Amino acid sequence: MKRKGSYSHFKNKNRKMNTGAPSLSTLASLAAAGRVEEDETVKGLLLSVQYTGNQRIAEVAREYLFRRAVEQMVDPDAFAPPIDADQARGELPLGQIRNSECEFGLFRPELVQGTYVSGRIGSGKTTFIRRLLKQLILLASSIAMMVRIMVFDIKRDYQDLTMLFPEVWQFKLPGNDFHWNPLEPPIRSWHQWAGILASVFANSAGFYGGMSTENLTYKYLLQLYRRYDTEHGIYPSLFDLRDYLKWLDLTKKVDRRSEEYRWFVRIQNRIESLCNALGKIIECSQGYPLAEILAHHVVFEMAQLKQDAQSFFTETFLTQIICHRIENEERGGTLRTLAVFDEAKRLVPKYREQSQQAISNMSTILAFGREFGVGFLIGECQPALLADSAKSCSYSKVCFSQGHGKDIEDSVKSLGLLDADQAAEFHKLQVGEAIVRLAGRIKKPFVLQVTP
C-alpha cells in the first residue's frame, strides 16, 4: 500500500488531476498565450465546450491550444495564427505569408481601390511593386483583358519592363518621341477645361494665400483660348501661354503696382520653368491621342525632369484621363488603368495639405479614380512626409521596414496596429518582408515575404 505522502501517491494524484476536463477559463488563457484567441476555429472550439460541456472536445482543445502556446513561447510570432490558405490566395500572386505555406495575392477589384506601399530604401518596396506589375501584365496577356499599367517613373526603376514585355511603351521626358499639350481639352468644353487646368496648375505649383492664383490663371487662359480657332481643334500650347504672359507684361496690361502683378510674376516664372523643363514635348497644338495611350501599357521615364515639371505632368495627365472617362461615360469600378508612382510625397506632400488646410487636388484624384476604372499604386520611402489623405484612401497597405522613428510611427498608425508586439515587428522585419493590411477580405494584419 502506497503511503499518502510518497512520491508515487503524488504522481498518481497529479495524473488524475490532469485527466479532468479543463475549464473554459483555462482554455481561454491558453488561447491568449498562443495568440489564437481571434482564430475562428478556436472560437468554435471554445463555444462547443461552453454550450455542450463535452469532455472530449475540451481535451482536444486543450491539447491544440497548449501546443500553440508552447510554439509562441519557443518562437514568438506577433501575427499568429497564419491566414487561411483559401482566404490568402489571389489572382496576382505576390509572395508567401510568414510561418505558413500560404501564398498571398491580390485581385483586380482590390487594386482599383488603391494600394499604398511604404519602406526605406533597400527594404524591398520597389521589388514588390515591380512584381505586382509583372503579374498584372502577364495576366492581361493571358486572358486578353483590357487592363493597362501606367508608370510615372522618376528613378528609372522600371526600365526592365520594356525589355521583358515588348508590348510596354516607354516615353522619355523630355524627348522627341512623345507630344503632349496640357491645354488640349480632354472634354468638349475648352472653357470648362481652362478652369480645371488652372486648379491643377495652382495646386501642383504650390501657390497658397493672397490673391487667388487659380482665378488669375483661369483668367489668362480664357483670354488666350479666345485667340485660337478652338472650334476646329486648334489649341494654344504652354509655349503660347508663356508668350502671351510676356506680351501682357511688355505692354503693361497688368498694373505693376497692383497685388495682381505680384502674383502675375509668380505665374509667369512658373510657366517659364515648365516650358524650359518639358521642352519639345509640349510644342504642339494636339498631342498623342489619349485613347491610344490608354490602350497600351506605358512607362513615362521622368528622371531628367525637374520636380515641379514631374508634378505638373503627372497631376495634369491623370486629370485628363479622369475627364476623358467622364466625357465618354466610362464609369464603373472595373479596373482599366493602374497608375503607379513612387516617391509619392512629391505629388501629395503632407505640408501642402497643412498649408491649404484642405484636401489637395491630387488626393481628390486618388479618391475619385475608382469610379472611372483608375486604380492607384503609390510608393513612398518617407511616409511621415506623405499626406494622410493619400494613405487613408488605399484598400491595401503594404509596409516594409523603416529606419526612422517618425516613419515607423506613421506606418504603425496607417496599418492600425493596436497590438504593441505587432508594432514592435517593424524593428525585426528582414529585407523583402512587409506587414500587410487589407480593408476587406482578410480582417487582420500579417507579414508577407515577397517573391522577387
Protein backbone atom coordinates (compact mmCIF):
# COMPACT_ATOMS: atom_id res chain seq x y z
CA MET A 1 0.00 0.00 0.00
CA LYS A 2 1.39 3.42 -1.01
CA ARG A 3 1.91 5.92 1.76
CA LYS A 4 -0.14 9.12 1.48
CA GLY A 5 2.91 11.38 1.36
CA SER A 6 5.00 9.23 -1.01
CA TYR A 7 6.20 10.31 -4.50
CA SER A 8 4.09 7.58 -6.14
CA HIS A 9 0.98 8.84 -4.40
CA PHE A 10 1.69 12.42 -5.58
CA LYS A 11 2.35 11.25 -9.18
CA ASN A 12 -0.90 9.30 -9.37
CA LYS A 13 -2.86 12.17 -7.89
CA ASN A 14 -1.38 14.60 -10.41
CA ARG A 15 -2.23 12.24 -13.27
CA LYS A 16 -5.85 12.09 -12.13
CA MET A 17 -6.00 15.89 -11.96
CA ASN A 18 -4.62 16.22 -15.49
CA THR A 19 -7.15 13.81 -16.93
CA GLY A 20 -10.02 16.04 -15.79
CA ALA A 21 -11.74 18.32 -18.34
CA PRO A 22 -10.10 21.77 -18.49
CA SER A 23 -12.20 24.78 -17.58
CA LEU A 24 -13.27 27.35 -20.13
CA SER A 25 -11.07 29.99 -18.47
CA THR A 26 -8.06 27.67 -18.74
CA LEU A 27 -8.69 27.17 -22.44
CA ALA A 28 -9.14 30.93 -22.95
CA SER A 29 -5.82 31.58 -21.18
CA LEU A 30 -4.07 29.05 -23.40
CA ALA A 31 -5.62 30.63 -26.49
CA ALA A 32 -4.34 34.04 -25.43
CA ALA A 33 -0.87 32.64 -24.73
CA GLY A 34 -0.84 31.08 -28.18
CA ARG A 35 -2.18 34.33 -29.78
CA VAL A 36 -5.04 32.39 -31.38
CA GLU A 37 -7.97 33.85 -29.43
CA GLU A 38 -9.28 35.53 -32.62
CA ASP A 39 -8.96 32.38 -34.75
CA GLU A 40 -12.39 31.25 -35.98
CA THR A 41 -11.60 27.56 -35.40
CA VAL A 42 -10.56 28.26 -31.81
CA LYS A 43 -13.68 30.35 -31.21
CA GLY A 44 -15.75 27.43 -32.48
CA LEU A 45 -13.98 25.02 -30.12
CA LEU A 46 -14.48 27.25 -27.10
CA LEU A 47 -18.15 27.77 -27.92
CA SER A 48 -18.62 24.00 -28.22
CA VAL A 49 -17.01 23.49 -24.81
CA GLN A 50 -19.17 26.24 -23.30
CA TYR A 51 -22.52 25.02 -24.61
CA THR A 52 -22.05 21.22 -24.69
CA GLY A 53 -19.66 20.60 -21.82
CA ASN A 54 -18.24 17.74 -23.90
CA GLN A 55 -15.10 16.50 -22.13
CA ARG A 56 -13.57 15.03 -25.29
CA ILE A 57 -13.88 18.36 -27.17
CA ALA A 58 -12.37 20.16 -24.17
CA GLU A 59 -9.39 17.78 -24.10
CA VAL A 60 -8.80 18.17 -27.86
CA ALA A 61 -8.99 21.94 -27.45
CA ARG A 62 -6.51 21.87 -24.57
CA GLU A 63 -4.04 19.73 -26.49
CA TYR A 64 -4.21 22.03 -29.54
CA LEU A 65 -4.04 25.27 -27.56
CA PHE A 66 -1.22 24.02 -25.35
CA ARG A 67 0.83 23.21 -28.45
CA ARG A 68 0.21 26.72 -29.88
CA ALA A 69 1.14 28.31 -26.54
CA VAL A 70 4.42 26.39 -26.45
CA GLU A 71 5.17 27.41 -30.06
CA GLN A 72 4.65 31.05 -29.11
CA MET A 73 6.94 30.65 -26.14
CA VAL A 74 9.73 29.00 -28.14
CA ASP A 75 9.36 31.04 -31.36
CA PRO A 76 7.08 34.05 -30.74
CA ASP A 77 5.04 35.33 -33.71
CA ALA A 78 3.05 38.50 -33.06
CA PHE A 79 0.88 37.76 -36.11
CA ALA A 80 -0.09 34.16 -35.24
CA PRO A 81 -2.10 32.28 -36.27
CA PRO A 82 -1.38 32.36 -40.04
CA ILE A 83 -4.09 33.30 -42.53
CA ASP A 84 -6.19 30.52 -44.01
CA ALA A 85 -4.77 29.45 -47.39
CA ASP A 86 -8.04 29.82 -49.29
CA GLN A 87 -8.53 33.29 -47.87
CA ALA A 88 -4.99 34.40 -48.74
CA ARG A 89 -4.84 33.41 -52.41
CA GLY A 90 -5.33 35.98 -55.17
CA GLU A 91 -5.13 36.13 -58.95
CA LEU A 92 -1.89 38.16 -58.72
CA PRO A 93 0.49 36.08 -56.50
CA LEU A 94 2.99 38.27 -54.65
CA GLY A 95 4.67 36.11 -52.01
CA GLN A 96 4.18 33.84 -49.03
CA ILE A 97 2.72 34.58 -45.61
CA ARG A 98 5.42 34.19 -42.96
CA ASN A 99 5.45 30.97 -40.90
CA SER A 100 2.98 29.26 -43.20
CA GLU A 101 2.67 27.56 -46.55
CA CYS A 102 0.09 30.13 -47.70
CA GLU A 103 0.63 32.06 -50.91
CA PHE A 104 -0.78 35.59 -50.85
CA GLY A 105 -2.10 37.54 -53.82
CA LEU A 106 -4.34 40.46 -54.72
CA PHE A 107 -7.37 40.65 -57.00
CA ARG A 108 -8.09 43.30 -59.66
CA PRO A 109 -11.15 44.67 -57.80
CA GLU A 110 -8.82 45.29 -54.86
CA LEU A 111 -6.27 47.15 -56.99
CA VAL A 112 -8.87 49.62 -58.24
CA GLN A 113 -9.49 50.60 -54.61
CA GLY A 114 -5.91 51.79 -54.14
CA THR A 115 -2.61 50.27 -52.97
CA TYR A 116 -0.15 52.01 -50.66
CA VAL A 117 3.42 50.69 -50.33
CA SER A 118 6.00 52.17 -47.95
CA GLY A 119 9.51 51.22 -46.93
CA ARG A 120 13.02 52.58 -46.55
CA ILE A 121 15.45 52.41 -49.47
CA GLY A 122 16.56 48.79 -49.93
CA SER A 123 13.68 47.29 -47.92
CA GLY A 124 12.01 45.54 -50.88
CA LYS A 125 9.37 48.16 -51.70
CA THR A 126 10.31 48.59 -55.38
CA THR A 127 10.75 44.81 -55.77
CA PHE A 128 7.16 44.36 -54.56
CA ILE A 129 5.81 46.99 -56.97
CA ARG A 130 7.75 45.52 -59.88
CA ARG A 131 6.50 42.03 -59.01
CA LEU A 132 2.89 43.22 -58.97
CA LEU A 133 3.24 44.99 -62.31
CA LYS A 134 4.79 41.92 -63.96
CA GLN A 135 1.96 39.74 -62.66
CA LEU A 136 -0.66 42.16 -63.95
CA ILE A 137 0.93 42.37 -67.43
CA LEU A 138 1.13 38.57 -67.62
CA LEU A 139 -2.48 38.21 -66.52
CA ALA A 140 -3.64 40.83 -69.02
CA SER A 141 -1.85 38.96 -71.82
CA SER A 142 -3.11 35.52 -70.84
CA ILE A 143 -6.80 36.38 -70.71
CA ALA A 144 -6.77 39.30 -73.16
CA MET A 145 -8.29 41.68 -70.62
CA MET A 146 -8.28 45.45 -71.05
CA VAL A 147 -6.22 46.39 -68.01
CA ARG A 148 -3.18 48.56 -68.59
CA ILE A 149 -0.41 49.88 -66.37
CA MET A 150 0.78 53.49 -66.48
CA VAL A 151 4.02 54.10 -64.59
CA PHE A 152 5.35 57.57 -63.76
CA ASP A 153 8.99 56.58 -63.22
CA ILE A 154 11.19 59.22 -61.60
CA LYS A 155 14.16 56.95 -60.72
CA ARG A 156 14.47 54.62 -63.74
CA ASP A 157 13.29 51.72 -61.57
CA TYR A 158 11.01 50.21 -64.21
CA GLN A 159 13.11 50.22 -67.38
CA ASP A 160 13.29 46.41 -67.31
CA LEU A 161 9.54 46.19 -68.02
CA THR A 162 10.09 47.30 -71.61
CA MET A 163 12.81 44.66 -72.03
CA LEU A 164 10.73 41.86 -70.51
CA PHE A 165 7.50 42.82 -72.25
CA PRO A 166 7.72 44.23 -75.80
CA GLU A 167 4.10 45.43 -75.55
CA VAL A 168 5.08 48.02 -72.94
CA TRP A 169 5.64 51.50 -74.40
CA GLN A 170 8.28 53.76 -72.92
CA PHE A 171 8.49 57.53 -73.34
CA LYS A 172 11.43 59.56 -72.03
CA LEU A 173 10.53 63.02 -70.81
CA PRO A 174 11.78 65.33 -72.14
CA GLY A 175 12.25 63.67 -75.51
CA ASN A 176 11.26 63.69 -79.17
CA ASP A 177 9.02 60.60 -79.30
CA PHE A 178 6.12 61.93 -77.23
CA HIS A 179 3.97 65.02 -77.74
CA TRP A 180 1.55 66.39 -75.17
CA ASN A 181 -0.44 69.59 -74.88
CA PRO A 182 -1.83 70.26 -71.38
CA LEU A 183 -4.07 72.95 -72.91
CA GLU A 184 -5.74 70.44 -75.27
CA PRO A 185 -9.12 69.75 -73.63
CA PRO A 186 -9.98 66.07 -72.97
CA ILE A 187 -13.62 67.24 -72.86
CA ARG A 188 -15.78 69.17 -75.32
CA SER A 189 -15.73 72.47 -73.46
CA TRP A 190 -12.38 74.28 -73.52
CA HIS A 191 -13.94 76.83 -71.19
CA GLN A 192 -14.54 74.16 -68.56
CA TRP A 193 -11.10 72.63 -69.10
CA ALA A 194 -9.46 76.03 -68.56
CA GLY A 195 -10.95 76.11 -65.06
CA ILE A 196 -9.80 72.57 -64.27
CA LEU A 197 -6.30 73.21 -65.63
CA ALA A 198 -5.98 76.43 -63.63
CA SER A 199 -6.77 74.49 -60.45
CA VAL A 200 -4.28 71.71 -61.27
CA PHE A 201 -1.56 74.23 -62.11
CA ALA A 202 -2.03 76.24 -58.91
CA ASN A 203 -2.09 73.09 -56.80
CA SER A 204 0.95 71.44 -58.38
CA ALA A 205 2.87 74.73 -58.22
CA GLY A 206 2.13 75.07 -54.52
CA PHE A 207 0.56 78.55 -54.66
CA TYR A 208 -1.36 79.37 -51.48
CA GLY A 209 -2.80 82.51 -49.93
CA GLY A 210 -3.06 86.06 -51.19
CA MET A 211 -5.00 86.81 -54.37
CA SER A 212 -6.22 83.53 -55.88
CA THR A 213 -3.57 82.27 -58.29
CA GLU A 214 -6.09 79.80 -59.60
CA ASN A 215 -8.52 82.58 -60.56
CA LEU A 216 -5.80 84.63 -62.22
CA THR A 217 -4.51 81.65 -64.19
CA TYR A 218 -8.08 80.88 -65.26
CA LYS A 219 -8.49 84.48 -66.44
CA TYR A 220 -5.30 84.40 -68.55
CA LEU A 221 -6.21 81.01 -70.02
CA LEU A 222 -9.64 82.22 -71.13
CA GLN A 223 -8.10 85.26 -72.78
CA LEU A 224 -5.62 83.03 -74.61
CA TYR A 225 -8.14 80.38 -75.77
CA ARG A 226 -10.33 83.08 -77.35
CA ARG A 227 -7.47 83.96 -79.69
CA TYR A 228 -7.49 80.46 -81.28
CA ASP A 229 -9.82 78.57 -83.59
CA THR A 230 -10.82 76.01 -80.98
CA GLU A 231 -13.92 75.03 -82.98
CA HIS A 232 -11.59 73.37 -85.50
CA GLY A 233 -9.31 71.74 -82.92
CA ILE A 234 -6.60 74.38 -82.90
CA TYR A 235 -5.48 74.95 -79.32
CA PRO A 236 -2.75 77.09 -77.76
CA SER A 237 0.26 75.36 -76.24
CA LEU A 238 2.07 76.01 -72.96
CA PHE A 239 4.65 77.94 -75.01
CA ASP A 240 1.82 80.11 -76.35
CA LEU A 241 0.71 80.79 -72.78
CA ARG A 242 4.27 81.76 -71.87
CA ASP A 243 4.48 84.14 -74.83
CA TYR A 244 1.06 85.62 -74.06
CA LEU A 245 2.07 86.37 -70.48
CA LYS A 246 5.27 88.02 -71.76
CA TRP A 247 3.16 90.18 -74.08
CA LEU A 248 0.87 91.19 -71.20
CA ASP A 249 3.94 92.20 -69.22
CA LEU A 250 5.68 94.11 -72.01
CA THR A 251 2.52 96.01 -72.93
CA LYS A 252 1.82 96.72 -69.26
CA LYS A 253 -1.65 95.19 -69.43
CA VAL A 254 -1.26 94.34 -65.74
CA ASP A 255 -0.70 97.26 -63.37
CA ARG A 256 2.79 96.76 -61.94
CA ARG A 257 1.79 98.48 -58.70
CA SER A 258 -1.11 96.11 -58.06
CA GLU A 259 -1.30 92.93 -55.98
CA GLU A 260 -2.30 91.10 -59.17
CA TYR A 261 1.08 91.89 -60.70
CA ARG A 262 2.92 90.25 -57.80
CA TRP A 263 1.01 87.03 -58.45
CA PHE A 264 1.28 87.51 -62.22
CA VAL A 265 5.08 87.42 -61.96
CA ARG A 266 4.98 84.19 -59.94
CA ILE A 267 2.68 82.54 -62.52
CA GLN A 268 4.87 83.78 -65.37
CA ASN A 269 8.05 82.42 -63.75
CA ARG A 270 6.49 79.03 -63.09
CA ILE A 271 5.17 78.71 -66.67
CA GLU A 272 8.62 79.68 -67.98
CA SER A 273 10.19 77.00 -65.78
CA LEU A 274 7.76 74.33 -67.03
CA CYS A 275 8.40 75.25 -70.67
CA ASN A 276 12.16 75.00 -70.17
CA ALA A 277 11.85 71.64 -68.42
CA LEU A 278 9.32 69.94 -70.71
CA GLY A 279 10.82 71.28 -73.94
CA LYS A 280 9.70 69.93 -77.29
CA ILE A 281 7.09 67.52 -75.94
CA ILE A 282 4.72 70.45 -75.30
CA GLU A 283 5.46 72.26 -78.58
CA CYS A 284 2.23 71.19 -80.28
CA SER A 285 -1.45 72.05 -80.64
CA GLN A 286 -2.61 68.42 -80.38
CA GLY A 287 -0.66 65.74 -78.58
CA TYR A 288 -0.58 61.96 -78.72
CA PRO A 289 -4.20 60.65 -78.75
CA LEU A 290 -5.19 59.92 -75.16
CA ALA A 291 -7.33 56.93 -76.14
CA GLU A 292 -4.32 55.30 -77.82
CA ILE A 293 -2.13 55.84 -74.77
CA LEU A 294 -4.79 54.27 -72.53
CA ALA A 295 -4.91 51.20 -74.79
CA HIS A 296 -1.27 50.29 -74.02
CA HIS A 297 1.00 49.61 -71.07
CA VAL A 298 3.09 52.78 -70.71
CA VAL A 299 6.15 53.85 -68.71
CA PHE A 300 6.89 57.58 -68.56
CA GLU A 301 10.55 57.94 -67.63
CA MET A 302 10.82 61.32 -65.90
CA ALA A 303 14.22 61.11 -64.17
CA GLN A 304 15.55 64.07 -66.19
CA LEU A 305 12.60 66.35 -65.41
CA LYS A 306 12.71 68.91 -62.62
CA GLN A 307 10.48 68.11 -59.66
CA ASP A 308 7.93 70.83 -60.46
CA ALA A 309 7.64 69.53 -64.04
CA GLN A 310 7.23 65.94 -62.77
CA SER A 311 4.38 67.01 -60.50
CA PHE A 312 2.69 69.14 -63.16
CA PHE A 313 2.88 66.45 -65.85
CA THR A 314 1.67 63.61 -63.60
CA GLU A 315 -1.18 65.53 -62.00
CA THR A 316 -2.37 67.10 -65.27
CA PHE A 317 -2.15 63.87 -67.26
CA LEU A 318 -4.10 61.91 -64.64
CA THR A 319 -6.72 64.68 -64.57
CA GLN A 320 -7.02 64.45 -68.36
CA ILE A 321 -7.62 60.68 -68.05
CA ILE A 322 -10.39 61.14 -65.46
CA CYS A 323 -12.02 63.91 -67.53
CA HIS A 324 -11.75 61.78 -70.69
CA ARG A 325 -13.57 58.91 -68.96
CA ILE A 326 -16.23 61.25 -67.57
CA GLU A 327 -16.78 62.72 -71.04
CA ASN A 328 -17.13 59.25 -72.56
CA GLU A 329 -19.27 57.98 -69.67
CA GLU A 330 -16.78 55.21 -68.88
CA ARG A 331 -17.93 54.69 -65.32
CA GLY A 332 -17.87 51.65 -63.07
CA GLY A 333 -15.47 50.14 -60.56
CA THR A 334 -13.78 47.76 -63.01
CA LEU A 335 -10.01 48.25 -63.16
CA ARG A 336 -8.89 49.51 -66.56
CA THR A 337 -5.79 51.56 -65.72
CA LEU A 338 -3.33 51.07 -62.85
CA ALA A 339 -1.40 54.32 -62.36
CA VAL A 340 1.88 53.87 -60.49
CA PHE A 341 4.18 56.43 -58.94
CA ASP A 342 6.95 56.05 -56.40
CA GLU A 343 8.19 58.84 -54.10
CA ALA A 344 4.57 59.97 -53.80
CA LYS A 345 5.40 62.79 -51.38
CA ARG A 346 6.40 64.83 -54.45
CA LEU A 347 2.79 64.68 -55.64
CA VAL A 348 0.89 64.64 -52.35
CA PRO A 349 3.16 66.11 -49.69
CA LYS A 350 1.84 66.49 -46.17
CA TYR A 351 2.96 70.12 -45.94
CA ARG A 352 0.72 71.08 -48.89
CA GLU A 353 -2.45 69.92 -47.17
CA GLN A 354 -1.29 71.51 -43.93
CA SER A 355 -0.69 74.82 -45.74
CA GLN A 356 -4.02 74.71 -47.54
CA GLN A 357 -5.85 73.24 -44.53
CA ALA A 358 -7.81 71.21 -47.07
CA ILE A 359 -7.54 68.05 -49.15
CA SER A 360 -5.21 68.58 -52.12
CA ASN A 361 -6.32 68.24 -55.73
CA MET A 362 -4.14 65.14 -56.16
CA SER A 363 -5.75 63.44 -53.16
CA THR A 364 -9.15 64.13 -54.71
CA ILE A 365 -7.98 62.43 -57.92
CA LEU A 366 -6.80 59.39 -55.91
CA ALA A 367 -10.20 59.07 -54.25
CA PHE A 368 -12.13 59.84 -57.46
CA GLY A 369 -10.30 57.46 -59.79
CA ARG A 370 -12.01 54.25 -58.72
CA GLU A 371 -15.35 55.33 -60.17
CA PHE A 372 -13.71 55.63 -63.59
CA GLY A 373 -11.61 52.47 -63.56
CA VAL A 374 -8.33 54.07 -62.45
CA GLY A 375 -6.54 52.36 -59.59
CA PHE A 376 -3.52 53.95 -57.94
CA LEU A 377 -0.42 52.24 -56.61
CA ILE A 378 1.64 54.75 -54.64
CA GLY A 379 5.03 54.10 -53.08
CA GLU A 380 6.94 56.15 -50.52
CA CYS A 381 10.17 55.71 -48.54
CA GLN A 382 9.37 58.53 -46.07
CA PRO A 383 5.69 58.06 -45.21
CA ALA A 384 5.75 60.72 -42.48
CA LEU A 385 6.12 63.31 -45.27
CA LEU A 386 3.19 61.95 -47.31
CA ALA A 387 -0.31 63.42 -46.96
CA ASP A 388 -2.57 61.34 -44.72
CA SER A 389 -5.40 61.52 -47.28
CA ALA A 390 -3.27 59.54 -49.77
CA LYS A 391 -2.88 56.68 -47.28
CA SER A 392 -6.43 56.67 -45.99
CA CYS A 393 -7.99 56.07 -49.42
CA SER A 394 -5.96 52.87 -50.01
CA TYR A 395 -7.57 49.45 -49.69
CA SER A 396 -4.24 47.60 -49.45
CA LYS A 397 -1.44 48.84 -47.21
CA VAL A 398 1.95 47.14 -47.56
CA CYS A 399 4.60 48.48 -45.17
CA PHE A 400 8.23 47.34 -45.33
CA SER A 401 10.87 48.15 -42.71
CA GLN A 402 11.70 51.74 -41.84
CA GLY A 403 14.84 53.35 -40.45
CA HIS A 404 13.39 56.44 -38.78
CA GLY A 405 11.18 56.74 -35.72
CA LYS A 406 8.62 59.06 -37.30
CA ASP A 407 8.28 56.81 -40.34
CA ILE A 408 7.81 53.75 -38.12
CA GLU A 409 5.15 55.58 -36.08
CA ASP A 410 3.41 56.66 -39.26
CA SER A 411 3.41 53.10 -40.65
CA VAL A 412 2.05 51.67 -37.38
CA LYS A 413 -0.73 54.28 -37.47
CA SER A 414 -1.55 53.61 -41.15
CA LEU A 415 -1.82 49.87 -40.51
CA GLY A 416 -3.90 50.37 -37.36
CA LEU A 417 -1.62 48.15 -35.25
CA LEU A 418 -3.02 48.36 -31.72
CA ASP A 419 -1.01 45.35 -30.51
CA ALA A 420 2.36 46.51 -29.11
CA ASP A 421 4.06 43.24 -30.12
CA GLN A 422 2.89 43.67 -33.71
CA ALA A 423 4.08 47.29 -33.80
CA ALA A 424 7.48 46.16 -32.49
CA GLU A 425 7.84 43.87 -35.53
CA PHE A 426 8.92 46.88 -37.62
CA HIS A 427 12.31 46.64 -35.91
CA LYS A 428 12.60 42.96 -36.86
CA LEU A 429 11.45 42.91 -40.50
CA GLN A 430 14.01 41.47 -42.89
CA VAL A 431 14.60 42.71 -46.45
CA GLY A 432 11.63 41.59 -48.54
CA GLU A 433 9.27 41.31 -45.57
CA ALA A 434 6.30 43.64 -45.11
CA ILE A 435 3.36 43.98 -42.78
CA VAL A 436 0.16 43.93 -44.84
CA ARG A 437 -3.36 45.03 -44.01
CA LEU A 438 -6.40 44.90 -46.29
CA ALA A 439 -9.60 46.85 -45.77
CA GLY A 440 -11.77 43.84 -46.56
CA ARG A 441 -11.08 40.20 -47.45
CA ILE A 442 -8.56 39.48 -44.64
CA LYS A 443 -9.56 41.01 -41.33
CA LYS A 444 -6.19 41.07 -39.55
CA PRO A 445 -2.64 42.18 -40.43
CA PHE A 446 0.03 39.67 -41.43
CA VAL A 447 3.67 39.51 -42.53
CA LEU A 448 4.34 38.89 -46.22
CA GLN A 449 7.59 37.52 -47.61
CA VAL A 450 7.73 38.92 -51.12
CA THR A 451 8.73 36.76 -54.06
CA PRO A 452 11.44 38.60 -56.11
